[in-house]
N, C-alpha and C. Protein backbone atom coordinates (compact mmCIF):
# COMPACT_ATOMS: atom_id res chain seq x y z
N MET A 1 16.20 -71.35 -60.75
CA MET A 1 16.96 -70.12 -60.88
C MET A 1 16.74 -69.56 -62.27
N GLY A 2 17.22 -68.36 -62.48
CA GLY A 2 17.11 -67.72 -63.76
C GLY A 2 17.27 -66.23 -63.60
N HIS A 3 17.21 -65.52 -64.73
CA HIS A 3 17.32 -64.07 -64.66
C HIS A 3 16.53 -63.42 -65.79
N VAL A 4 16.15 -62.17 -65.53
CA VAL A 4 15.45 -61.34 -66.51
C VAL A 4 15.96 -59.91 -66.34
N ARG A 5 15.74 -59.11 -67.34
CA ARG A 5 16.13 -57.68 -67.26
C ARG A 5 14.98 -56.86 -66.70
N VAL A 6 15.33 -55.91 -65.81
CA VAL A 6 14.33 -55.04 -65.19
C VAL A 6 14.88 -53.62 -65.06
N ARG A 7 13.98 -52.65 -64.96
CA ARG A 7 14.36 -51.28 -64.58
C ARG A 7 14.39 -51.25 -63.07
N ALA A 8 15.46 -50.73 -62.50
CA ALA A 8 15.59 -50.66 -61.04
C ALA A 8 16.18 -49.31 -60.65
N ALA A 9 15.77 -48.84 -59.48
CA ALA A 9 16.35 -47.64 -58.89
C ALA A 9 17.08 -48.07 -57.62
N PHE A 10 18.29 -47.56 -57.44
CA PHE A 10 19.08 -47.78 -56.23
C PHE A 10 19.23 -46.43 -55.53
N TYR A 11 18.94 -46.39 -54.24
CA TYR A 11 19.03 -45.18 -53.44
C TYR A 11 20.07 -45.35 -52.34
N ASN A 12 20.68 -44.24 -51.93
CA ASN A 12 21.46 -44.24 -50.70
C ASN A 12 20.44 -44.44 -49.58
N GLY A 13 20.60 -45.52 -48.80
CA GLY A 13 19.61 -45.87 -47.78
C GLY A 13 19.48 -44.85 -46.67
N VAL A 14 20.58 -44.19 -46.31
CA VAL A 14 20.54 -43.16 -45.26
C VAL A 14 19.75 -41.96 -45.76
N ASP A 15 20.05 -41.51 -46.99
CA ASP A 15 19.30 -40.40 -47.59
C ASP A 15 17.81 -40.75 -47.67
N TYR A 16 17.50 -41.96 -48.10
CA TYR A 16 16.12 -42.39 -48.28
C TYR A 16 15.36 -42.33 -46.94
N ALA A 17 15.99 -42.83 -45.88
CA ALA A 17 15.35 -42.82 -44.56
C ALA A 17 15.13 -41.38 -44.08
N ARG A 18 16.10 -40.52 -44.35
CA ARG A 18 15.94 -39.11 -43.95
C ARG A 18 14.85 -38.42 -44.75
N TRP A 19 14.70 -38.78 -46.04
CA TRP A 19 13.64 -38.22 -46.87
C TRP A 19 12.27 -38.68 -46.35
N VAL A 20 12.12 -39.98 -46.10
CA VAL A 20 10.86 -40.52 -45.59
C VAL A 20 10.52 -39.90 -44.24
N GLY A 21 11.55 -39.64 -43.42
CA GLY A 21 11.34 -39.03 -42.11
C GLY A 21 11.14 -37.52 -42.15
N GLY A 22 11.16 -36.92 -43.34
CA GLY A 22 10.92 -35.49 -43.48
C GLY A 22 12.13 -34.62 -43.26
N GLU A 23 13.32 -35.21 -43.13
CA GLU A 23 14.54 -34.43 -42.88
C GLU A 23 15.21 -33.92 -44.15
N LEU A 24 14.96 -34.59 -45.29
CA LEU A 24 15.57 -34.19 -46.57
C LEU A 24 14.50 -34.05 -47.63
N PRO A 25 14.66 -33.09 -48.54
CA PRO A 25 13.75 -33.05 -49.68
C PRO A 25 14.09 -34.18 -50.66
N GLU A 26 13.09 -34.68 -51.36
CA GLU A 26 13.28 -35.80 -52.28
C GLU A 26 14.38 -35.53 -53.31
N GLY A 27 14.48 -34.30 -53.76
CA GLY A 27 15.44 -33.94 -54.81
C GLY A 27 16.91 -34.11 -54.44
N VAL A 28 17.23 -34.23 -53.17
CA VAL A 28 18.64 -34.38 -52.79
C VAL A 28 18.99 -35.82 -52.41
N VAL A 29 18.03 -36.72 -52.47
CA VAL A 29 18.29 -38.14 -52.18
C VAL A 29 19.13 -38.70 -53.33
N ARG A 30 20.30 -39.26 -53.01
CA ARG A 30 21.16 -39.83 -54.04
C ARG A 30 20.52 -41.11 -54.59
N ARG A 31 20.41 -41.15 -55.93
CA ARG A 31 19.66 -42.22 -56.60
C ARG A 31 20.22 -42.45 -58.00
N VAL A 32 20.20 -43.70 -58.44
CA VAL A 32 20.54 -44.03 -59.82
C VAL A 32 19.48 -44.99 -60.35
N GLU A 33 19.10 -44.80 -61.61
CA GLU A 33 18.19 -45.72 -62.28
C GLU A 33 18.98 -46.49 -63.32
N VAL A 34 18.77 -47.81 -63.35
CA VAL A 34 19.56 -48.67 -64.22
C VAL A 34 18.69 -49.76 -64.85
N GLU A 35 19.18 -50.31 -65.92
CA GLU A 35 18.68 -51.57 -66.47
C GLU A 35 19.50 -52.63 -65.76
N ALA A 36 18.86 -53.53 -65.03
CA ALA A 36 19.57 -54.51 -64.21
C ALA A 36 19.13 -55.92 -64.54
N LEU A 37 19.96 -56.85 -64.17
CA LEU A 37 19.61 -58.26 -64.23
C LEU A 37 18.96 -58.64 -62.91
N ALA A 38 17.72 -59.08 -62.93
CA ALA A 38 17.10 -59.66 -61.74
C ALA A 38 17.50 -61.13 -61.77
N ASP A 39 18.40 -61.51 -60.87
CA ASP A 39 19.07 -62.82 -60.96
C ASP A 39 18.83 -63.64 -59.70
N ALA A 40 18.04 -64.70 -59.83
CA ALA A 40 17.74 -65.56 -58.68
C ALA A 40 18.94 -66.40 -58.27
N GLY A 41 20.01 -66.37 -59.05
CA GLY A 41 21.23 -67.09 -58.69
C GLY A 41 22.24 -66.22 -57.96
N ALA A 42 21.95 -64.93 -57.84
CA ALA A 42 22.83 -63.99 -57.12
C ALA A 42 22.22 -63.71 -55.75
N THR A 43 23.06 -63.62 -54.74
CA THR A 43 22.55 -63.38 -53.40
C THR A 43 22.17 -61.91 -53.21
N TYR A 44 23.16 -61.01 -53.31
CA TYR A 44 22.94 -59.59 -53.06
C TYR A 44 22.82 -58.80 -54.35
N PRO A 45 22.21 -57.62 -54.27
CA PRO A 45 22.30 -56.70 -55.39
C PRO A 45 23.76 -56.30 -55.60
N ALA A 46 24.10 -55.90 -56.81
CA ALA A 46 25.47 -55.50 -57.12
C ALA A 46 25.46 -54.36 -58.12
N LEU A 47 26.41 -53.43 -57.93
CA LEU A 47 26.54 -52.29 -58.82
C LEU A 47 28.00 -52.08 -59.21
N PRO A 48 28.26 -51.55 -60.41
CA PRO A 48 29.62 -51.18 -60.75
C PRO A 48 30.16 -50.11 -59.80
N ARG A 49 31.46 -50.13 -59.60
CA ARG A 49 32.14 -49.25 -58.65
C ARG A 49 31.70 -47.79 -58.77
N GLY A 50 31.61 -47.27 -60.00
CA GLY A 50 31.25 -45.86 -60.20
C GLY A 50 29.86 -45.52 -59.67
N LEU A 51 28.92 -46.44 -59.79
CA LEU A 51 27.57 -46.19 -59.27
C LEU A 51 27.54 -46.26 -57.75
N VAL A 52 28.33 -47.17 -57.18
CA VAL A 52 28.45 -47.23 -55.71
C VAL A 52 28.97 -45.89 -55.20
N GLU A 53 29.99 -45.34 -55.87
CA GLU A 53 30.55 -44.04 -55.48
C GLU A 53 29.54 -42.92 -55.67
N ARG A 54 28.81 -42.95 -56.79
CA ARG A 54 27.82 -41.90 -57.06
C ARG A 54 26.73 -41.88 -55.99
N LEU A 55 26.37 -43.04 -55.48
CA LEU A 55 25.37 -43.12 -54.41
C LEU A 55 25.93 -42.74 -53.05
N GLY A 56 27.24 -42.72 -52.93
CA GLY A 56 27.86 -42.38 -51.64
C GLY A 56 27.62 -43.44 -50.59
N LEU A 57 27.55 -44.71 -51.00
CA LEU A 57 27.32 -45.79 -50.04
C LEU A 57 28.56 -46.02 -49.18
N ALA A 58 28.35 -46.31 -47.92
CA ALA A 58 29.45 -46.53 -46.98
C ALA A 58 30.01 -47.95 -47.14
N PHE A 59 31.32 -48.08 -47.06
CA PHE A 59 31.96 -49.40 -47.07
C PHE A 59 31.57 -50.10 -45.78
N LEU A 60 31.06 -51.33 -45.88
CA LEU A 60 30.66 -52.09 -44.70
C LEU A 60 31.73 -53.10 -44.30
N ARG A 61 32.17 -53.92 -45.26
CA ARG A 61 33.22 -54.91 -44.98
C ARG A 61 33.53 -55.71 -46.24
N GLU A 62 34.62 -56.48 -46.17
CA GLU A 62 34.96 -57.44 -47.22
C GLU A 62 34.53 -58.81 -46.77
N VAL A 63 34.03 -59.60 -47.71
CA VAL A 63 33.59 -60.97 -47.42
C VAL A 63 34.10 -61.91 -48.52
N GLU A 64 34.23 -63.17 -48.17
CA GLU A 64 34.51 -64.19 -49.17
C GLU A 64 33.19 -64.55 -49.84
N GLY A 65 33.23 -64.68 -51.15
CA GLY A 65 32.01 -65.06 -51.85
C GLY A 65 32.32 -65.85 -53.10
N GLU A 66 31.31 -66.50 -53.61
CA GLU A 66 31.44 -67.29 -54.83
C GLU A 66 30.95 -66.48 -56.01
N VAL A 67 31.79 -66.34 -57.02
CA VAL A 67 31.43 -65.67 -58.26
C VAL A 67 31.65 -66.65 -59.41
N ALA A 68 31.33 -66.26 -60.62
CA ALA A 68 31.44 -67.17 -61.77
C ALA A 68 32.85 -67.75 -61.91
N GLU A 69 33.86 -66.97 -61.55
CA GLU A 69 35.25 -67.42 -61.69
C GLU A 69 35.74 -68.22 -60.50
N GLY A 70 34.93 -68.37 -59.46
CA GLY A 70 35.32 -69.09 -58.25
C GLY A 70 35.25 -68.20 -57.03
N ALA A 71 35.96 -68.58 -55.96
CA ALA A 71 35.95 -67.80 -54.72
C ALA A 71 36.65 -66.46 -54.92
N ALA A 72 36.14 -65.41 -54.27
CA ALA A 72 36.71 -64.08 -54.40
C ALA A 72 36.43 -63.26 -53.15
N ARG A 73 37.23 -62.21 -52.93
CA ARG A 73 36.97 -61.23 -51.88
C ARG A 73 36.05 -60.18 -52.48
N LEU A 74 34.93 -59.93 -51.82
CA LEU A 74 33.94 -58.99 -52.31
C LEU A 74 33.75 -57.86 -51.33
N LYS A 75 33.56 -56.65 -51.82
CA LYS A 75 33.32 -55.49 -50.98
C LYS A 75 31.83 -55.22 -50.89
N LEU A 76 31.32 -55.12 -49.64
CA LEU A 76 29.91 -54.80 -49.40
C LEU A 76 29.79 -53.33 -48.99
N TYR A 77 28.80 -52.65 -49.56
CA TYR A 77 28.51 -51.26 -49.27
C TYR A 77 27.04 -51.13 -48.89
N GLY A 78 26.71 -50.04 -48.21
CA GLY A 78 25.30 -49.85 -47.91
C GLY A 78 25.08 -48.83 -46.81
N PRO A 79 23.88 -48.78 -46.29
CA PRO A 79 22.73 -49.52 -46.79
C PRO A 79 22.20 -48.90 -48.07
N ALA A 80 21.58 -49.73 -48.89
CA ALA A 80 20.95 -49.27 -50.12
C ALA A 80 19.47 -49.65 -50.09
N VAL A 81 18.68 -48.83 -50.73
CA VAL A 81 17.28 -49.17 -50.97
C VAL A 81 17.19 -49.47 -52.46
N VAL A 82 16.63 -50.63 -52.78
CA VAL A 82 16.45 -51.06 -54.16
C VAL A 82 14.96 -51.03 -54.47
N GLN A 83 14.60 -50.39 -55.58
CA GLN A 83 13.20 -50.32 -55.98
C GLN A 83 13.02 -50.93 -57.36
N VAL A 84 12.07 -51.86 -57.47
CA VAL A 84 11.63 -52.41 -58.74
C VAL A 84 10.11 -52.26 -58.75
N GLU A 85 9.62 -51.62 -59.79
CA GLU A 85 8.20 -51.28 -59.88
C GLU A 85 7.80 -50.50 -58.63
N ASP A 86 6.76 -50.96 -57.91
CA ASP A 86 6.29 -50.21 -56.74
C ASP A 86 6.76 -50.82 -55.43
N ARG A 87 7.82 -51.63 -55.47
CA ARG A 87 8.28 -52.34 -54.27
C ARG A 87 9.73 -51.97 -53.95
N ILE A 88 10.05 -52.01 -52.64
CA ILE A 88 11.40 -51.69 -52.22
C ILE A 88 11.98 -52.78 -51.31
N ALA A 89 13.31 -52.80 -51.26
CA ALA A 89 14.05 -53.68 -50.36
C ALA A 89 15.23 -52.89 -49.82
N VAL A 90 15.66 -53.22 -48.61
CA VAL A 90 16.83 -52.58 -48.00
C VAL A 90 17.88 -53.65 -47.77
N CYS A 91 19.08 -53.44 -48.31
CA CYS A 91 20.14 -54.45 -48.17
C CYS A 91 21.49 -53.88 -48.59
N PRO A 92 22.56 -54.61 -48.28
CA PRO A 92 23.87 -54.20 -48.77
C PRO A 92 23.98 -54.45 -50.27
N VAL A 93 24.99 -53.83 -50.87
CA VAL A 93 25.27 -53.95 -52.30
C VAL A 93 26.71 -54.40 -52.47
N VAL A 94 26.94 -55.34 -53.38
CA VAL A 94 28.28 -55.79 -53.72
C VAL A 94 28.84 -54.87 -54.81
N GLU A 95 30.09 -54.45 -54.62
CA GLU A 95 30.76 -53.66 -55.66
C GLU A 95 31.23 -54.57 -56.78
N ARG A 96 30.91 -54.18 -58.03
CA ARG A 96 31.37 -54.91 -59.22
C ARG A 96 32.33 -54.03 -60.00
N PRO A 97 33.10 -54.62 -60.89
CA PRO A 97 34.01 -53.82 -61.72
C PRO A 97 33.24 -52.89 -62.65
N GLU A 98 33.89 -51.80 -63.07
CA GLU A 98 33.28 -50.90 -64.04
C GLU A 98 32.91 -51.68 -65.29
N GLY A 99 31.77 -51.35 -65.87
CA GLY A 99 31.32 -52.02 -67.09
C GLY A 99 30.48 -53.26 -66.83
N ALA A 100 30.48 -53.76 -65.59
CA ALA A 100 29.66 -54.94 -65.26
C ALA A 100 28.20 -54.52 -65.15
N ALA A 101 27.33 -55.43 -65.45
CA ALA A 101 25.89 -55.15 -65.38
C ALA A 101 25.43 -55.05 -63.93
N PRO A 102 24.56 -54.09 -63.61
CA PRO A 102 23.93 -54.06 -62.29
C PRO A 102 23.09 -55.32 -62.09
N VAL A 103 22.98 -55.77 -60.85
CA VAL A 103 22.25 -56.99 -60.52
C VAL A 103 21.32 -56.73 -59.34
N VAL A 104 20.11 -57.27 -59.42
CA VAL A 104 19.21 -57.32 -58.27
C VAL A 104 19.16 -58.79 -57.86
N GLY A 105 19.76 -59.12 -56.71
CA GLY A 105 19.85 -60.51 -56.26
C GLY A 105 18.64 -60.96 -55.47
N VAL A 106 18.70 -62.22 -55.06
CA VAL A 106 17.56 -62.87 -54.42
C VAL A 106 17.20 -62.25 -53.06
N VAL A 107 18.17 -61.69 -52.33
CA VAL A 107 17.85 -61.05 -51.05
C VAL A 107 16.84 -59.92 -51.28
N ALA A 108 17.10 -59.08 -52.26
CA ALA A 108 16.18 -57.98 -52.56
C ALA A 108 14.90 -58.50 -53.20
N LEU A 109 15.02 -59.44 -54.13
CA LEU A 109 13.84 -59.97 -54.80
C LEU A 109 12.86 -60.58 -53.81
N GLU A 110 13.36 -61.35 -52.84
CA GLU A 110 12.47 -61.96 -51.85
C GLU A 110 11.85 -60.92 -50.92
N GLN A 111 12.61 -59.89 -50.54
CA GLN A 111 12.02 -58.84 -49.72
C GLN A 111 10.88 -58.15 -50.44
N MET A 112 11.00 -58.04 -51.77
CA MET A 112 9.97 -57.37 -52.56
C MET A 112 8.85 -58.31 -53.00
N GLY A 113 9.02 -59.61 -52.78
CA GLY A 113 7.98 -60.56 -53.15
C GLY A 113 7.98 -60.96 -54.61
N PHE A 114 9.11 -60.79 -55.29
CA PHE A 114 9.20 -61.18 -56.69
C PHE A 114 9.84 -62.56 -56.82
N ARG A 115 9.43 -63.27 -57.86
CA ARG A 115 10.17 -64.45 -58.28
C ARG A 115 10.42 -64.30 -59.78
N VAL A 116 11.51 -64.89 -60.22
CA VAL A 116 11.90 -64.78 -61.62
C VAL A 116 11.25 -65.91 -62.42
N ASP A 117 10.59 -65.55 -63.50
CA ASP A 117 10.06 -66.53 -64.44
C ASP A 117 10.90 -66.41 -65.72
N PRO A 118 11.97 -67.22 -65.83
CA PRO A 118 12.86 -67.09 -66.98
C PRO A 118 12.22 -67.54 -68.29
N VAL A 119 11.22 -68.40 -68.22
CA VAL A 119 10.55 -68.87 -69.44
C VAL A 119 9.76 -67.71 -70.07
N ALA A 120 9.00 -67.01 -69.24
CA ALA A 120 8.22 -65.87 -69.73
C ALA A 120 9.07 -64.61 -69.83
N GLY A 121 10.27 -64.62 -69.22
CA GLY A 121 11.15 -63.45 -69.27
C GLY A 121 10.65 -62.28 -68.46
N ARG A 122 10.07 -62.57 -67.28
CA ARG A 122 9.54 -61.47 -66.46
C ARG A 122 9.58 -61.83 -64.98
N LEU A 123 9.35 -60.79 -64.16
CA LEU A 123 9.20 -61.00 -62.72
C LEU A 123 7.73 -61.25 -62.43
N VAL A 124 7.48 -62.12 -61.46
CA VAL A 124 6.12 -62.42 -61.03
C VAL A 124 5.97 -61.91 -59.60
N LYS A 125 4.93 -61.07 -59.38
CA LYS A 125 4.69 -60.53 -58.05
C LYS A 125 3.99 -61.56 -57.17
N GLY A 126 4.44 -61.62 -55.93
CA GLY A 126 3.80 -62.43 -54.93
C GLY A 126 3.90 -61.71 -53.61
N LEU A 127 3.73 -62.42 -52.53
CA LEU A 127 3.89 -61.83 -51.21
C LEU A 127 5.36 -61.87 -50.82
N PRO A 128 5.86 -60.81 -50.16
CA PRO A 128 7.25 -60.82 -49.69
C PRO A 128 7.47 -61.93 -48.66
N LEU A 129 8.66 -62.53 -48.69
CA LEU A 129 9.03 -63.51 -47.67
C LEU A 129 9.45 -62.77 -46.42
N MET A 130 8.73 -62.96 -45.35
CA MET A 130 8.96 -62.18 -44.15
C MET A 130 9.73 -62.92 -43.06
N LEU A 131 9.89 -64.22 -43.17
CA LEU A 131 10.62 -64.99 -42.17
C LEU A 131 11.79 -65.69 -42.79
C-alpha cells in the first residue's frame, strides 16, 4: 500500500456519458480538477462535500465503512468519472468533510491500470484489471 499526490479530474458521470454520446457540449459537463491523494489503502475515490455538490452527483446510499478513526457511516454519490493522466474510471464517490483532501482510491486506480509506487513517489502505468 501507499499513496502519492496526483492531478485528477472528477466529472459528473451522467453529464460525461451525455457528452460522449453527443447530447451535451463539453463546456457544460460538470467537472472539477484537484490535487488528490492516489491512495492504495482507500477503496473508493472521495471528495469534500462542497465538490460533491458542485458536481451535482446523486446520493446513492449510506454504507458502513472503515476510516482512520474506526467504523463510520459513509455517504456514496455518483456516478462519477475520475480521470488521471489519459485514463478514466467510473465509480461512486465517498463524501468527505469540507477541508479534507480529495482521494483516488484503489477501485479507480485498478480500473485505470495504475499502481502506487510510494518509494519513487509516483503512479506506475500498467494494464487495467478487468476481472
